[in-house]
Amino acid sequence: MRARLGGFWTALRDVYPTPREQRCWVHKTANVTGALPLSLREKAKADLQDIWMAETKKEANAAFDLFMETYGLKYERAVARLVKDRDVLLTFYDFPAEHWKHIRTTNPIESVFATVRNRTRKTKGCLNRKTALAMVFRLMMSAKKKWRKISGPNRLPEVIQGIAFKDGIRQRQNAA
């Protein structure tokens, strides 16, 4: 994930110096279960889901610890893949609960760009810069018709202002 979005994070940090990073649970689940025997993958997938579907960060950490305890002795490699990204996998708990379903995975973003990437790969060398940009623009406008609207758009100004959220709930600001 980081390799593919490396340029994205660099550009984002140029505009916003301290963005919070959330790793994709769909990709992490595939990465972790890929290091397990086939017979354990469905159970491990359900155990991983217990982490990212937990109501609170405390419950998620408990489920995380249980996963490590359950699989750690026999499947160190799988657990190591999960543990290395623990903090950035649980970042979403510091954002409005309405946004969680949008920020736990990068699949919606990647599916849009996969279409663009496939089309531009097939036409490589056939287009000049201007026509390539026009084609990409048209592909994005077409994909936009299928995008799901963000849940809780009224929460975006709070996020931009840096208002604190804990377990998806806005925290009261102390008067100074």
C-alpha atoms as a PDB file:
ATOM      1  CA  MET A   1       0.000   0.000   0.000  1.00  0.00           C
ATOM      2  CA  ARG A   2       2.660   2.489   0.959  1.00  0.00           C
ATOM      3  CA  ALA A   3       4.621   1.788  -2.198  1.00  0.00           C
ATOM      4  CA  ARG A   4       1.616   2.581  -4.384  1.00  0.00           C
ATOM      5  CA  LEU A   5       0.501   5.639  -2.443  1.00  0.00           C
ATOM      6  CA  GLY A   6       3.999   6.947  -1.676  1.00  0.00           C
ATOM      7  CA  GLY A   7       3.581   9.900  -4.032  1.00  0.00           C
ATOM      8  CA  PHE A   8       0.151  10.595  -2.613  1.00  0.00           C
ATOM      9  CA  TRP A   9       1.463  10.894   0.960  1.00  0.00           C
ATOM     10  CA  THR A  10       4.373  13.073  -0.174  1.00  0.00           C
ATOM     11  CA  ALA A  11       2.020  15.449  -2.016  1.00  0.00           C
ATOM     12  CA  LEU A  12      -0.416  15.479   0.886  1.00  0.00           C
ATOM     13  CA  ARG A  13       2.329  16.410   3.350  1.00  0.00           C
ATOM     14  CA  ASP A  14       3.322  19.316   1.084  1.00  0.00           C
ATOM     15  CA  VAL A  15      -0.124  20.820   1.676  1.00  0.00           C
ATOM     16  CA  TYR A  16      -0.896  19.420   5.134  1.00  0.00           C
ATOM     17  CA  PRO A  17       2.321  18.905   7.133  1.00  0.00           C
ATOM     18  CA  THR A  18       0.850  16.502   9.718  1.00  0.00           C
ATOM     19  CA  PRO A  19      -1.774  14.243   8.103  1.00  0.00           C
ATOM     20  CA  ARG A  20      -2.956  11.192  10.035  1.00  0.00           C
ATOM     21  CA  GLU A  21      -2.422   7.983   8.117  1.00  0.00           C
ATOM     22  CA  GLN A  22      -4.928   5.122   8.092  1.00  0.00           C
ATOM     23  CA  ARG A  23      -3.837   1.820   6.615  1.00  0.00           C
ATOM     24  CA  CYS A  24      -6.355  -0.189   4.607  1.00  0.00           C
ATOM     25  CA  TRP A  25      -7.957  -3.059   6.507  1.00  0.00           C
ATOM     26  CA  VAL A  26      -8.907  -4.912   3.318  1.00  0.00           C
ATOM     27  CA  HIS A  27      -5.306  -5.018   2.142  1.00  0.00           C
ATOM     28  CA  LYS A  28      -3.931  -5.736   5.614  1.00  0.00           C
ATOM     29  CA  THR A  29      -6.351  -8.644   6.052  1.00  0.00           C
ATOM     30  CA  ALA A  30      -5.234 -10.148   2.741  1.00  0.00           C
ATOM     31  CA  ASN A  31      -1.593  -9.583   3.675  1.00  0.00           C
ATOM     32  CA  VAL A  32      -1.914 -11.221   7.108  1.00  0.00           C
ATOM     33  CA  THR A  33      -4.091 -14.153   6.054  1.00  0.00           C
ATOM     34  CA  GLY A  34      -1.760 -14.796   3.127  1.00  0.00           C
ATOM     35  CA  ALA A  35       0.898 -15.798   5.670  1.00  0.00           C
ATOM     36  CA  LEU A  36      -1.409 -18.383   7.269  1.00  0.00           C
ATOM     37  CA  PRO A  37      -2.324 -21.921   6.193  1.00  0.00           C
ATOM     38  CA  LEU A  38      -5.436 -22.118   4.021  1.00  0.00           C
ATOM     39  CA  SER A  39      -7.299 -23.983   6.762  1.00  0.00           C
ATOM     40  CA  LEU A  40      -7.002 -21.007   9.148  1.00  0.00           C
ATOM     41  CA  ARG A  41      -7.668 -18.118   6.791  1.00  0.00           C
ATOM     42  CA  GLU A  42     -11.436 -17.819   7.261  1.00  0.00           C
ATOM     43  CA  LYS A  43     -11.174 -17.938  11.056  1.00  0.00           C
ATOM     44  CA  ALA A  44      -8.297 -15.440  11.058  1.00  0.00           C
ATOM     45  CA  LYS A  45     -10.267 -13.151   8.733  1.00  0.00           C
ATOM     46  CA  ALA A  46     -13.168 -13.193  11.216  1.00  0.00           C
ATOM     47  CA  ASP A  47     -10.749 -12.521  14.087  1.00  0.00           C
ATOM     48  CA  LEU A  48      -9.275  -9.562  12.192  1.00  0.00           C
ATOM     49  CA  GLN A  49     -12.787  -8.272  11.545  1.00  0.00           C
ATOM     50  CA  ASP A  50     -13.352  -8.323  15.314  1.00  0.00           C
ATOM     51  CA  ILE A  51     -10.557  -5.752  15.558  1.00  0.00           C
ATOM     52  CA  TRP A  52     -11.711  -3.220  12.974  1.00  0.00           C
ATOM     53  CA  MET A  53     -15.410  -3.624  13.746  1.00  0.00           C
ATOM     54  CA  ALA A  54     -14.958  -3.027  17.490  1.00  0.00           C
ATOM     55  CA  GLU A  55     -17.024  -0.159  18.913  1.00  0.00           C
ATOM     56  CA  THR A  56     -14.094   1.412  20.768  1.00  0.00           C
ATOM     57  CA  LYS A  57     -10.344   1.577  20.413  1.00  0.00           C
ATOM     58  CA  LYS A  58     -10.029  -0.208  23.762  1.00  0.00           C
ATOM     59  CA  GLU A  59     -12.111  -3.132  22.435  1.00  0.00           C
ATOM     60  CA  ALA A  60     -10.091  -3.105  19.211  1.00  0.00           C
ATOM     61  CA  ASN A  61      -6.840  -3.289  21.168  1.00  0.00           C
ATOM     62  CA  ALA A  62      -8.218  -6.199  23.208  1.00  0.00           C
ATOM     63  CA  ALA A  63      -9.182  -8.032  19.991  1.00  0.00           C
ATOM     64  CA  PHE A  64      -5.749  -7.164  18.561  1.00  0.00           C
ATOM     65  CA  ASP A  65      -4.032  -8.677  21.611  1.00  0.00           C
ATOM     66  CA  LEU A  66      -6.230 -11.775  21.360  1.00  0.00           C
ATOM     67  CA  PHE A  67      -5.241 -12.203  17.705  1.00  0.00           C
ATOM     68  CA  MET A  68      -1.566 -11.942  18.633  1.00  0.00           C
ATOM     69  CA  GLU A  69      -2.024 -14.477  21.440  1.00  0.00           C
ATOM     70  CA  THR A  70      -4.021 -16.882  19.258  1.00  0.00           C
ATOM     71  CA  TYR A  71      -1.720 -16.908  16.230  1.00  0.00           C
ATOM     72  CA  GLY A  72       1.604 -15.553  17.505  1.00  0.00           C
ATOM     73  CA  LEU A  73       3.310 -18.733  18.646  1.00  0.00           C
ATOM     74  CA  LYS A  74       2.793 -20.751  15.476  1.00  0.00           C
ATOM     75  CA  TYR A  75       2.460 -18.012  12.878  1.00  0.00           C
ATOM     76  CA  GLU A  76       4.930 -15.287  13.818  1.00  0.00           C
ATOM     77  CA  ARG A  77       5.208 -13.986  10.266  1.00  0.00           C
ATOM     78  CA  ALA A  78       1.460 -13.346   9.956  1.00  0.00           C
ATOM     79  CA  VAL A  79       1.289 -11.617  13.334  1.00  0.00           C
ATOM     80  CA  ALA A  80       4.379  -9.524  12.544  1.00  0.00           C
ATOM     81  CA  ARG A  81       2.643  -8.220   9.406  1.00  0.00           C
ATOM     82  CA  LEU A  82      -0.248  -7.032  11.549  1.00  0.00           C
ATOM     83  CA  VAL A  83       1.704  -5.700  14.521  1.00  0.00           C
ATOM     84  CA  LYS A  84       4.009  -3.471  12.473  1.00  0.00           C
ATOM     85  CA  ASP A  85       1.060  -1.266  11.476  1.00  0.00           C
ATOM     86  CA  ARG A  86      -0.959  -1.390  14.695  1.00  0.00           C
ATOM     87  CA  ASP A  87      -1.138   2.369  15.266  1.00  0.00           C
ATOM     88  CA  VAL A  88      -2.021   3.315  11.694  1.00  0.00           C
ATOM     89  CA  LEU A  89      -4.610   0.544  11.458  1.00  0.00           C
ATOM     90  CA  LEU A  90      -6.500   2.044  14.406  1.00  0.00           C
ATOM     91  CA  THR A  91      -6.259   5.718  13.426  1.00  0.00           C
ATOM     92  CA  PHE A  92      -9.902   5.801  12.339  1.00  0.00           C
ATOM     93  CA  TYR A  93     -11.048   5.703  15.975  1.00  0.00           C
ATOM     94  CA  ASP A  94      -9.850   9.323  16.241  1.00  0.00           C
ATOM     95  CA  PHE A  95     -12.328  10.457  13.582  1.00  0.00           C
ATOM     96  CA  PRO A  96     -16.124  10.788  13.487  1.00  0.00           C
ATOM     97  CA  ALA A  97     -17.855   7.397  13.556  1.00  0.00           C
ATOM     98  CA  GLU A  98     -19.824   8.412  10.449  1.00  0.00           C
ATOM     99  CA  HIS A  99     -16.538   8.459   8.488  1.00  0.00           C
ATOM    100  CA  TRP A 100     -15.182   5.091   9.627  1.00  0.00           C
ATOM    101  CA  LYS A 101     -16.581   3.075   6.728  1.00  0.00           C
ATOM    102  CA  HIS A 102     -14.924   5.488   4.293  1.00  0.00           C
ATOM    103  CA  ILE A 103     -11.476   5.606   5.873  1.00  0.00           C
ATOM    104  CA  ARG A 104     -10.904   1.981   6.934  1.00  0.00           C
ATOM    105  CA  THR A 105     -10.288   0.936   3.336  1.00  0.00           C
ATOM    106  CA  THR A 106      -8.704   2.376   0.208  1.00  0.00           C
ATOM    107  CA  ASN A 107     -10.596   0.062  -2.161  1.00  0.00           C
ATOM    108  CA  PRO A 108     -13.035   2.732  -3.439  1.00  0.00           C
ATOM    109  CA  ILE A 109     -10.117   5.008  -4.330  1.00  0.00           C
ATOM    110  CA  GLU A 110      -8.083   2.212  -5.858  1.00  0.00           C
ATOM    111  CA  SER A 111     -10.941   0.889  -7.981  1.00  0.00           C
ATOM    112  CA  VAL A 112     -11.341   4.293  -9.633  1.00  0.00           C
ATOM    113  CA  PHE A 113      -7.645   4.572 -10.342  1.00  0.00           C
ATOM    114  CA  ALA A 114      -7.443   0.952 -11.522  1.00  0.00           C
ATOM    115  CA  THR A 115      -9.784   1.835 -14.384  1.00  0.00           C
ATOM    116  CA  VAL A 116      -7.663   4.847 -15.301  1.00  0.00           C
ATOM    117  CA  ARG A 117      -4.431   2.852 -14.969  1.00  0.00           C
ATOM    118  CA  ASN A 118      -5.713   0.026 -17.185  1.00  0.00           C
ATOM    119  CA  ARG A 119      -6.942   2.366 -19.904  1.00  0.00           C
ATOM    120  CA  THR A 120      -3.799   4.498 -19.952  1.00  0.00           C
ATOM    121  CA  ARG A 121      -1.627   1.380 -20.005  1.00  0.00           C
ATOM    122  CA  LYS A 122      -3.435   0.110 -23.100  1.00  0.00           C
ATOM    123  CA  THR A 123      -3.126   3.449 -24.896  1.00  0.00           C
ATOM    124  CA  LYS A 124       0.483   4.102 -23.870  1.00  0.00           C
ATOM    125  CA  GLY A 125       2.358   5.800 -26.649  1.00  0.00           C
ATOM    126  CA  CYS A 126      -0.817   6.523 -28.651  1.00  0.00           C
ATOM    127  CA  LEU A 127      -1.722   9.766 -26.900  1.00  0.00           C
ATOM    128  CA  ASN A 128      -0.026  13.063 -26.423  1.00  0.00           C
ATOM    129  CA  ARG A 129      -0.092  14.775 -23.012  1.00  0.00           C
ATOM    130  CA  LYS A 130      -3.187  16.844 -23.784  1.00  0.00           C
ATOM    131  CA  THR A 131      -5.303  13.926 -25.053  1.00  0.00           C
ATOM    132  CA  ALA A 132      -4.095  11.665 -22.204  1.00  0.00           C
ATOM    133  CA  LEU A 133      -5.219  14.258 -19.638  1.00  0.00           C
ATOM    134  CA  ALA A 134      -8.569  14.626 -21.405  1.00  0.00           C
ATOM    135  CA  MET A 135      -9.043  10.854 -21.392  1.00  0.00           C
ATOM    136  CA  VAL A 136      -8.178  10.586 -17.687  1.00  0.00           C
ATOM    137  CA  PHE A 137     -10.555  13.472 -16.912  1.00  0.00           C
ATOM    138  CA  ARG A 138     -13.394  11.764 -18.812  1.00  0.00           C
ATOM    139  CA  LEU A 139     -12.727   8.432 -17.093  1.00  0.00           C
ATOM    140  CA  MET A 140     -12.813  10.112 -13.682  1.00  0.00           C
ATOM    141  CA  MET A 141     -16.024  11.976 -14.494  1.00  0.00           C
ATOM    142  CA  SER A 142     -17.610   8.709 -15.583  1.00  0.00           C
ATOM    143  CA  ALA A 143     -16.443   6.917 -12.417  1.00  0.00           C
ATOM    144  CA  LYS A 144     -17.746   9.799 -10.289  1.00  0.00           C
ATOM    145  CA  LYS A 145     -21.330   8.841 -11.154  1.00  0.00           C
ATOM    146  CA  LYS A 146     -20.939   5.644  -9.115  1.00  0.00           C
ATOM    147  CA  TRP A 147     -19.296   7.202  -6.063  1.00  0.00           C
ATOM    148  CA  ARG A 148     -21.099   6.905  -2.773  1.00  0.00           C
ATOM    149  CA  LYS A 149     -21.612  10.187  -0.952  1.00  0.00           C
ATOM    150  CA  ILE A 150     -19.642  10.597   2.244  1.00  0.00           C
ATOM    151  CA  SER A 151     -21.541   9.888   5.429  1.00  0.00           C
ATOM    152  CA  GLY A 152     -21.577  12.753   7.909  1.00  0.00           C
ATOM    153  CA  PRO A 153     -20.415  15.550   5.602  1.00  0.00           C
ATOM    154  CA  ASN A 154     -21.317  18.019   8.358  1.00  0.00           C
ATOM    155  CA  ARG A 155     -18.398  16.546  10.365  1.00  0.00           C
ATOM    156  CA  LEU A 156     -15.754  17.570   7.807  1.00  0.00           C
ATOM    157  CA  PRO A 157     -15.321  21.136   9.129  1.00  0.00           C
ATOM    158  CA  GLU A 158     -14.722  19.702  12.610  1.00  0.00           C
ATOM    159  CA  VAL A 159     -12.070  17.343  11.280  1.00  0.00           C
ATOM    160  CA  ILE A 160     -10.387  20.155   9.326  1.00  0.00           C
ATOM    161  CA  GLN A 161     -10.404  22.358  12.446  1.00  0.00           C
ATOM    162  CA  GLY A 162      -8.652  19.587  14.371  1.00  0.00           C
ATOM    163  CA  ILE A 163     -11.470  18.946  16.829  1.00  0.00           C
ATOM    164  CA  ALA A 164     -10.723  15.817  18.860  1.00  0.00           C
ATOM    165  CA  PHE A 165     -12.763  12.643  18.491  1.00  0.00           C
ATOM    166  CA  LYS A 166     -12.447   9.558  20.670  1.00  0.00           C
ATOM    167  CA  ASP A 167     -14.015   6.318  19.511  1.00  0.00           C
ATOM    168  CA  GLY A 168     -15.875   8.318  16.859  1.00  0.00           C
ATOM    169  CA  ILE A 169     -17.456  10.760  19.334  1.00  0.00           C
ATOM    170  CA  ARG A 170     -16.606  14.450  19.462  1.00  0.00           C
ATOM    171  CA  GLN A 171     -14.798  15.385  22.654  1.00  0.00           C
ATOM    172  CA  ARG A 172     -15.792  18.448  24.625  1.00  0.00           C
ATOM    173  CA  GLN A 173     -13.330  21.305  24.461  1.00  0.00           C
ATOM    174  CA  ASN A 174     -12.195  22.642  27.836  1.00  0.00           C
ATOM    175  CA  ALA A 175     -12.768  26.376  28.230  1.00  0.00           C
ATOM    176  CA  ALA A 176      -9.501  28.193  28.925  1.00  0.00           C
END
